[in-house]
């Protein structure tokens, strides 16, 4: 049961765990996750807290130039994680030259703030040539706050900067940034294909921890 002491992340985790326990079909599970994530994205406390989240690329680490995700939660039983991502404001990008997939991981990418162009692709080659992948575009739209993009294992896509700072909450079926889950990397100009490790995971707090309230007899006045 929900109580007034639960914050938005805790409510999300409770509902997600109930969903994971009751729905074994992975495709149906991730479709059903959409409204639960939508509640988290709409929470005013989460939106306000996100203004203070560190930009992953600014956090020192051993990942070199590899991108990063903020790691807010990892479920001990079902393995799903709650990540955060921030793209700083920069020049509007042109047509994408690269795209990627998330390997074997299911992903729900929910935009919390700003606008991003989401472009999706599918493979059209027979996969017989090592290091080669031909793709064609299947969707191209601008996502707004509250929009959620679902990516199944192997789904090819790219988020394109439209000149705004963006903040996203990402739900993954398992922790990323590990050697046993490699992302597919697609060069859209040369059709070159390779695989590499995903984003490094940076432990962070989604919401500020509430300080315990002193008993009434210890409060001033």
C-alpha atoms as a PDB file:
ATOM      1  CA  UNK A   1       0.000   0.000   0.000  1.00  0.00           C
ATOM      2  CA  UNK A   2       1.115   3.542  -0.711  1.00  0.00           C
ATOM      3  CA  UNK A   3       1.744   5.838   2.228  1.00  0.00           C
ATOM      4  CA  UNK A   4       2.425   9.538   2.444  1.00  0.00           C
ATOM      5  CA  UNK A   5       6.048   8.751   3.331  1.00  0.00           C
ATOM      6  CA  UNK A   6       6.760   7.120  -0.059  1.00  0.00           C
ATOM      7  CA  UNK A   7       8.418   9.296  -2.641  1.00  0.00           C
ATOM      8  CA  UNK A   8       7.915   9.030  -6.405  1.00  0.00           C
ATOM      9  CA  UNK A   9      10.850   6.668  -6.933  1.00  0.00           C
ATOM     10  CA  UNK A  10       9.675   4.347  -4.168  1.00  0.00           C
ATOM     11  CA  UNK A  11       6.160   4.285  -5.645  1.00  0.00           C
ATOM     12  CA  UNK A  12       7.608   3.502  -9.073  1.00  0.00           C
ATOM     13  CA  UNK A  13       9.672   0.629  -7.686  1.00  0.00           C
ATOM     14  CA  UNK A  14       6.697  -0.882  -5.859  1.00  0.00           C
ATOM     15  CA  UNK A  15       4.517  -0.819  -8.997  1.00  0.00           C
ATOM     16  CA  UNK A  16       7.327  -2.027 -11.268  1.00  0.00           C
ATOM     17  CA  UNK A  17       8.078  -4.966  -8.977  1.00  0.00           C
ATOM     18  CA  UNK A  18       4.387  -5.912  -8.949  1.00  0.00           C
ATOM     19  CA  UNK A  19       4.371  -5.786 -12.751  1.00  0.00           C
ATOM     20  CA  UNK A  20       7.542  -7.848 -13.092  1.00  0.00           C
ATOM     21  CA  UNK A  21       6.185 -10.448 -10.661  1.00  0.00           C
ATOM     22  CA  UNK A  22       2.886 -10.791 -12.492  1.00  0.00           C
ATOM     23  CA  UNK A  23       3.803 -10.484 -16.192  1.00  0.00           C
ATOM     24  CA  UNK A  24       6.373 -12.998 -17.510  1.00  0.00           C
ATOM     25  CA  UNK A  25       6.013 -11.979 -21.180  1.00  0.00           C
ATOM     26  CA  UNK A  26       8.816  -9.443 -21.684  1.00  0.00           C
ATOM     27  CA  UNK A  27       7.221  -7.488 -24.542  1.00  0.00           C
ATOM     28  CA  UNK A  28       3.930  -7.163 -22.622  1.00  0.00           C
ATOM     29  CA  UNK A  29       5.822  -6.285 -19.452  1.00  0.00           C
ATOM     30  CA  UNK A  30       7.609  -3.353 -21.067  1.00  0.00           C
ATOM     31  CA  UNK A  31       4.474  -2.040 -22.724  1.00  0.00           C
ATOM     32  CA  UNK A  32       2.745  -2.144 -19.337  1.00  0.00           C
ATOM     33  CA  UNK A  33       5.653  -0.268 -17.772  1.00  0.00           C
ATOM     34  CA  UNK A  34       4.864   2.837 -19.832  1.00  0.00           C
ATOM     35  CA  UNK A  35       2.084   4.302 -17.601  1.00  0.00           C
ATOM     36  CA  UNK A  36       4.091   3.549 -14.461  1.00  0.00           C
ATOM     37  CA  UNK A  37       7.056   5.474 -15.855  1.00  0.00           C
ATOM     38  CA  UNK A  38       4.707   8.256 -16.999  1.00  0.00           C
ATOM     39  CA  UNK A  39       3.684   8.805 -13.353  1.00  0.00           C
ATOM     40  CA  UNK A  40       7.334   9.145 -12.352  1.00  0.00           C
ATOM     41  CA  UNK A  41       8.013  11.644 -15.146  1.00  0.00           C
ATOM     42  CA  UNK A  42       5.028  13.762 -14.115  1.00  0.00           C
ATOM     43  CA  UNK A  43       6.073  14.046 -10.468  1.00  0.00           C
ATOM     44  CA  UNK A  44       6.853  17.650  -9.511  1.00  0.00           C
ATOM     45  CA  UNK A  45       9.463  16.640  -6.914  1.00  0.00           C
ATOM     46  CA  UNK A  46      11.371  14.567  -9.478  1.00  0.00           C
ATOM     47  CA  UNK A  47      11.263  17.395 -12.020  1.00  0.00           C
ATOM     48  CA  UNK A  48      12.592  19.882  -9.478  1.00  0.00           C
ATOM     49  CA  UNK A  49      15.307  17.513  -8.209  1.00  0.00           C
ATOM     50  CA  UNK A  50      16.515  16.845 -11.761  1.00  0.00           C
ATOM     51  CA  UNK A  51      17.758  20.439 -11.982  1.00  0.00           C
ATOM     52  CA  UNK A  52      20.509  19.439  -9.537  1.00  0.00           C
ATOM     53  CA  UNK A  53      21.466  16.072 -11.037  1.00  0.00           C
ATOM     54  CA  UNK A  54      25.118  15.949 -12.111  1.00  0.00           C
ATOM     55  CA  UNK A  55      25.852  15.767 -15.815  1.00  0.00           C
ATOM     56  CA  UNK A  56      27.275  12.238 -16.276  1.00  0.00           C
ATOM     57  CA  UNK A  57      29.992  13.390 -18.668  1.00  0.00           C
ATOM     58  CA  UNK A  58      31.286  15.776 -15.973  1.00  0.00           C
ATOM     59  CA  UNK A  59      31.669  13.063 -13.304  1.00  0.00           C
ATOM     60  CA  UNK A  60      35.264  11.770 -13.142  1.00  0.00           C
ATOM     61  CA  UNK A  61      35.713   8.060 -13.671  1.00  0.00           C
ATOM     62  CA  UNK A  62      37.692   5.340 -15.328  1.00  0.00           C
ATOM     63  CA  UNK A  63      35.493   5.212 -18.418  1.00  0.00           C
ATOM     64  CA  UNK A  64      37.591   7.608 -20.468  1.00  0.00           C
ATOM     65  CA  UNK A  65      35.374   9.221 -23.088  1.00  0.00           C
ATOM     66  CA  UNK A  66      32.664   6.596 -22.670  1.00  0.00           C
ATOM     67  CA  UNK A  67      29.279   8.087 -21.868  1.00  0.00           C
ATOM     68  CA  UNK A  68      27.595   7.557 -18.541  1.00  0.00           C
ATOM     69  CA  UNK A  69      24.227   7.135 -16.868  1.00  0.00           C
ATOM     70  CA  UNK A  70      23.280   8.152 -13.361  1.00  0.00           C
ATOM     71  CA  UNK A  71      22.329   4.999 -11.460  1.00  0.00           C
ATOM     72  CA  UNK A  72      19.441   5.731  -9.093  1.00  0.00           C
ATOM     73  CA  UNK A  73      18.224   2.197  -8.333  1.00  0.00           C
ATOM     74  CA  UNK A  74      18.977  -1.441  -9.120  1.00  0.00           C
ATOM     75  CA  UNK A  75      16.406  -4.053  -8.139  1.00  0.00           C
ATOM     76  CA  UNK A  76      17.829  -6.931  -6.091  1.00  0.00           C
ATOM     77  CA  UNK A  77      15.288  -9.484  -7.336  1.00  0.00           C
ATOM     78  CA  UNK A  78      14.286  -8.561 -10.901  1.00  0.00           C
ATOM     79  CA  UNK A  79      17.473  -6.791 -11.952  1.00  0.00           C
ATOM     80  CA  UNK A  80      15.875  -3.727 -13.536  1.00  0.00           C
ATOM     81  CA  UNK A  81      17.571  -0.377 -13.029  1.00  0.00           C
ATOM     82  CA  UNK A  82      16.488   3.257 -12.937  1.00  0.00           C
ATOM     83  CA  UNK A  83      18.972   5.503 -14.731  1.00  0.00           C
ATOM     84  CA  UNK A  84      19.159   9.223 -15.369  1.00  0.00           C
ATOM     85  CA  UNK A  85      20.665  10.966 -18.376  1.00  0.00           C
ATOM     86  CA  UNK A  86      21.428  14.610 -19.067  1.00  0.00           C
ATOM     87  CA  UNK A  87      22.468  16.116 -22.383  1.00  0.00           C
ATOM     88  CA  UNK A  88      23.701  19.666 -22.008  1.00  0.00           C
ATOM     89  CA  UNK A  89      22.448  22.444 -24.237  1.00  0.00           C
ATOM     90  CA  UNK A  90      24.475  22.644 -27.439  1.00  0.00           C
ATOM     91  CA  UNK A  91      24.162  23.424 -31.109  1.00  0.00           C
ATOM     92  CA  UNK A  92      21.323  21.757 -32.958  1.00  0.00           C
ATOM     93  CA  UNK A  93      22.558  18.597 -34.672  1.00  0.00           C
ATOM     94  CA  UNK A  94      21.992  17.821 -38.335  1.00  0.00           C
ATOM     95  CA  UNK A  95      21.187  14.451 -39.801  1.00  0.00           C
ATOM     96  CA  UNK A  96      22.535  11.641 -37.604  1.00  0.00           C
ATOM     97  CA  UNK A  97      25.628   9.836 -38.811  1.00  0.00           C
ATOM     98  CA  UNK A  98      25.522   7.071 -36.229  1.00  0.00           C
ATOM     99  CA  UNK A  99      22.932   4.980 -34.398  1.00  0.00           C
ATOM    100  CA  UNK A 100      23.040   2.231 -31.789  1.00  0.00           C
ATOM    101  CA  UNK A 101      21.119  -0.542 -30.081  1.00  0.00           C
ATOM    102  CA  UNK A 102      21.215  -1.629 -26.431  1.00  0.00           C
ATOM    103  CA  UNK A 103      22.250  -5.221 -26.959  1.00  0.00           C
ATOM    104  CA  UNK A 104      20.074  -7.706 -25.048  1.00  0.00           C
ATOM    105  CA  UNK A 105      18.536  -5.069 -22.749  1.00  0.00           C
ATOM    106  CA  UNK A 106      14.956  -3.775 -22.860  1.00  0.00           C
ATOM    107  CA  UNK A 107      14.776  -0.009 -22.353  1.00  0.00           C
ATOM    108  CA  UNK A 108      12.086   2.563 -21.580  1.00  0.00           C
ATOM    109  CA  UNK A 109      13.453   6.053 -22.280  1.00  0.00           C
ATOM    110  CA  UNK A 110      11.282   8.756 -20.722  1.00  0.00           C
ATOM    111  CA  UNK A 111      11.963  12.422 -21.422  1.00  0.00           C
ATOM    112  CA  UNK A 112      11.672  14.530 -18.289  1.00  0.00           C
ATOM    113  CA  UNK A 113      12.739  17.941 -19.592  1.00  0.00           C
ATOM    114  CA  UNK A 114      13.522  19.464 -22.987  1.00  0.00           C
ATOM    115  CA  UNK A 115      12.942  18.163 -26.498  1.00  0.00           C
ATOM    116  CA  UNK A 116      14.873  15.559 -28.479  1.00  0.00           C
ATOM    117  CA  UNK A 117      14.561  14.143 -31.945  1.00  0.00           C
ATOM    118  CA  UNK A 118      14.175  10.348 -31.862  1.00  0.00           C
ATOM    119  CA  UNK A 119      15.122   8.465 -35.024  1.00  0.00           C
ATOM    120  CA  UNK A 120      14.564   4.708 -35.359  1.00  0.00           C
ATOM    121  CA  UNK A 121      15.912   2.218 -37.891  1.00  0.00           C
ATOM    122  CA  UNK A 122      15.708  -1.431 -38.871  1.00  0.00           C
ATOM    123  CA  UNK A 123      18.298  -3.689 -40.474  1.00  0.00           C
ATOM    124  CA  UNK A 124      17.725  -4.611 -44.104  1.00  0.00           C
ATOM    125  CA  UNK A 125      20.840  -6.720 -44.854  1.00  0.00           C
ATOM    126  CA  UNK A 126      21.073 -10.486 -44.390  1.00  0.00           C
ATOM    127  CA  UNK A 127      23.690 -10.159 -41.597  1.00  0.00           C
ATOM    128  CA  UNK A 128      26.125 -12.371 -43.490  1.00  0.00           C
ATOM    129  CA  UNK A 129      28.973  -9.837 -43.721  1.00  0.00           C
ATOM    130  CA  UNK A 130      30.993  -9.298 -40.536  1.00  0.00           C
ATOM    131  CA  UNK A 131      31.394  -5.634 -39.639  1.00  0.00           C
ATOM    132  CA  UNK A 132      28.594  -4.556 -42.003  1.00  0.00           C
ATOM    133  CA  UNK A 133      24.985  -3.522 -41.363  1.00  0.00           C
ATOM    134  CA  UNK A 134      22.601  -1.791 -43.750  1.00  0.00           C
ATOM    135  CA  UNK A 135      19.641  -0.033 -42.136  1.00  0.00           C
ATOM    136  CA  UNK A 136      16.645   2.030 -43.150  1.00  0.00           C
ATOM    137  CA  UNK A 137      14.770   4.703 -41.209  1.00  0.00           C
ATOM    138  CA  UNK A 138      11.395   3.666 -39.773  1.00  0.00           C
ATOM    139  CA  UNK A 139      10.457   6.616 -37.533  1.00  0.00           C
ATOM    140  CA  UNK A 140      11.571  10.212 -37.004  1.00  0.00           C
ATOM    141  CA  UNK A 141       9.868  12.510 -34.486  1.00  0.00           C
ATOM    142  CA  UNK A 142      10.527  15.153 -31.831  1.00  0.00           C
ATOM    143  CA  UNK A 143       9.866  13.937 -28.292  1.00  0.00           C
ATOM    144  CA  UNK A 144       8.586  16.294 -25.598  1.00  0.00           C
ATOM    145  CA  UNK A 145       8.553  16.038 -21.792  1.00  0.00           C
ATOM    146  CA  UNK A 146       6.509  13.019 -20.761  1.00  0.00           C
ATOM    147  CA  UNK A 147       7.098  11.108 -23.991  1.00  0.00           C
ATOM    148  CA  UNK A 148       8.426   7.558 -23.641  1.00  0.00           C
ATOM    149  CA  UNK A 149      10.402   5.602 -26.222  1.00  0.00           C
ATOM    150  CA  UNK A 150      10.508   1.819 -25.806  1.00  0.00           C
ATOM    151  CA  UNK A 151      13.450  -0.120 -27.239  1.00  0.00           C
ATOM    152  CA  UNK A 152      13.525  -3.904 -27.324  1.00  0.00           C
ATOM    153  CA  UNK A 153      16.796  -5.842 -27.552  1.00  0.00           C
ATOM    154  CA  UNK A 154      18.464  -5.008 -30.855  1.00  0.00           C
ATOM    155  CA  UNK A 155      16.194  -2.051 -31.708  1.00  0.00           C
ATOM    156  CA  UNK A 156      18.272   0.571 -33.551  1.00  0.00           C
ATOM    157  CA  UNK A 157      17.815   4.255 -32.711  1.00  0.00           C
ATOM    158  CA  UNK A 158      19.490   7.553 -31.888  1.00  0.00           C
ATOM    159  CA  UNK A 159      18.546  10.608 -29.807  1.00  0.00           C
ATOM    160  CA  UNK A 160      19.404  13.788 -31.717  1.00  0.00           C
ATOM    161  CA  UNK A 161      20.049  17.138 -29.994  1.00  0.00           C
ATOM    162  CA  UNK A 162      17.707  19.915 -31.159  1.00  0.00           C
ATOM    163  CA  UNK A 163      19.584  22.661 -29.290  1.00  0.00           C
ATOM    164  CA  UNK A 164      18.108  22.214 -25.806  1.00  0.00           C
ATOM    165  CA  UNK A 165      19.257  20.772 -22.492  1.00  0.00           C
ATOM    166  CA  UNK A 166      17.455  17.493 -22.005  1.00  0.00           C
ATOM    167  CA  UNK A 167      16.904  15.247 -19.007  1.00  0.00           C
ATOM    168  CA  UNK A 168      15.682  11.661 -19.260  1.00  0.00           C
ATOM    169  CA  UNK A 169      14.798   8.827 -16.899  1.00  0.00           C
ATOM    170  CA  UNK A 170      15.768   5.460 -18.358  1.00  0.00           C
ATOM    171  CA  UNK A 171      14.445   2.122 -17.135  1.00  0.00           C
ATOM    172  CA  UNK A 172      16.562  -0.841 -18.234  1.00  0.00           C
ATOM    173  CA  UNK A 173      15.819  -4.519 -17.806  1.00  0.00           C
ATOM    174  CA  UNK A 174      19.335  -5.038 -16.415  1.00  0.00           C
ATOM    175  CA  UNK A 175      22.406  -3.025 -15.487  1.00  0.00           C
ATOM    176  CA  UNK A 176      24.225  -1.712 -18.518  1.00  0.00           C
ATOM    177  CA  UNK A 177      27.875  -0.823 -18.976  1.00  0.00           C
ATOM    178  CA  UNK A 178      29.073  -4.406 -18.510  1.00  0.00           C
ATOM    179  CA  UNK A 179      31.180  -6.567 -20.810  1.00  0.00           C
ATOM    180  CA  UNK A 180      28.469  -9.223 -21.136  1.00  0.00           C
ATOM    181  CA  UNK A 181      26.084  -6.763 -22.820  1.00  0.00           C
ATOM    182  CA  UNK A 182      27.563  -5.037 -25.855  1.00  0.00           C
ATOM    183  CA  UNK A 183      25.763  -2.318 -27.770  1.00  0.00           C
ATOM    184  CA  UNK A 184      25.583  -2.455 -31.538  1.00  0.00           C
ATOM    185  CA  UNK A 185      27.121   0.627 -33.221  1.00  0.00           C
ATOM    186  CA  UNK A 186      25.958   1.570 -36.713  1.00  0.00           C
ATOM    187  CA  UNK A 187      27.715   4.012 -39.054  1.00  0.00           C
ATOM    188  CA  UNK A 188      24.865   5.360 -41.180  1.00  0.00           C
ATOM    189  CA  UNK A 189      27.214   6.691 -43.866  1.00  0.00           C
ATOM    190  CA  UNK A 190      29.518   3.710 -44.427  1.00  0.00           C
ATOM    191  CA  UNK A 191      27.323   0.851 -43.081  1.00  0.00           C
ATOM    192  CA  UNK A 192      30.164  -0.149 -40.769  1.00  0.00           C
ATOM    193  CA  UNK A 193      29.023  -2.162 -37.762  1.00  0.00           C
ATOM    194  CA  UNK A 194      30.836  -2.827 -34.491  1.00  0.00           C
ATOM    195  CA  UNK A 195      30.022  -3.613 -30.883  1.00  0.00           C
ATOM    196  CA  UNK A 196      31.200  -1.954 -27.688  1.00  0.00           C
ATOM    197  CA  UNK A 197      30.349  -1.676 -24.015  1.00  0.00           C
ATOM    198  CA  UNK A 198      27.476   0.565 -22.938  1.00  0.00           C
ATOM    199  CA  UNK A 199      27.446   3.607 -20.645  1.00  0.00           C
ATOM    200  CA  UNK A 200      29.322   3.529 -17.351  1.00  0.00           C
ATOM    201  CA  UNK A 201      27.093   3.574 -14.277  1.00  0.00           C
ATOM    202  CA  UNK A 202      27.433   6.488 -11.848  1.00  0.00           C
ATOM    203  CA  UNK A 203      25.760   6.053  -8.459  1.00  0.00           C
ATOM    204  CA  UNK A 204      23.535   9.039  -7.641  1.00  0.00           C
ATOM    205  CA  UNK A 205      20.420  10.038  -5.698  1.00  0.00           C
ATOM    206  CA  UNK A 206      17.300  10.794  -7.727  1.00  0.00           C
ATOM    207  CA  UNK A 207      15.667  12.695  -4.860  1.00  0.00           C
ATOM    208  CA  UNK A 208      17.230  14.508  -1.927  1.00  0.00           C
ATOM    209  CA  UNK A 209      17.119  12.518   1.254  1.00  0.00           C
ATOM    210  CA  UNK A 210      14.653  13.890   3.766  1.00  0.00           C
ATOM    211  CA  UNK A 211      16.090  14.821   7.128  1.00  0.00           C
ATOM    212  CA  UNK A 212      14.277  13.076  10.000  1.00  0.00           C
ATOM    213  CA  UNK A 213      11.943  15.400  11.853  1.00  0.00           C
ATOM    214  CA  UNK A 214      12.764  15.977  15.508  1.00  0.00           C
ATOM    215  CA  UNK A 215      10.162  14.912  18.083  1.00  0.00           C
ATOM    216  CA  UNK A 216       7.700  17.628  19.065  1.00  0.00           C
ATOM    217  CA  UNK A 217       9.276  18.092  22.509  1.00  0.00           C
ATOM    218  CA  UNK A 218      12.655  18.809  20.879  1.00  0.00           C
ATOM    219  CA  UNK A 219      11.407  21.366  18.358  1.00  0.00           C
ATOM    220  CA  UNK A 220      11.926  25.078  18.958  1.00  0.00           C
ATOM    221  CA  UNK A 221       8.951  26.980  20.326  1.00  0.00           C
END
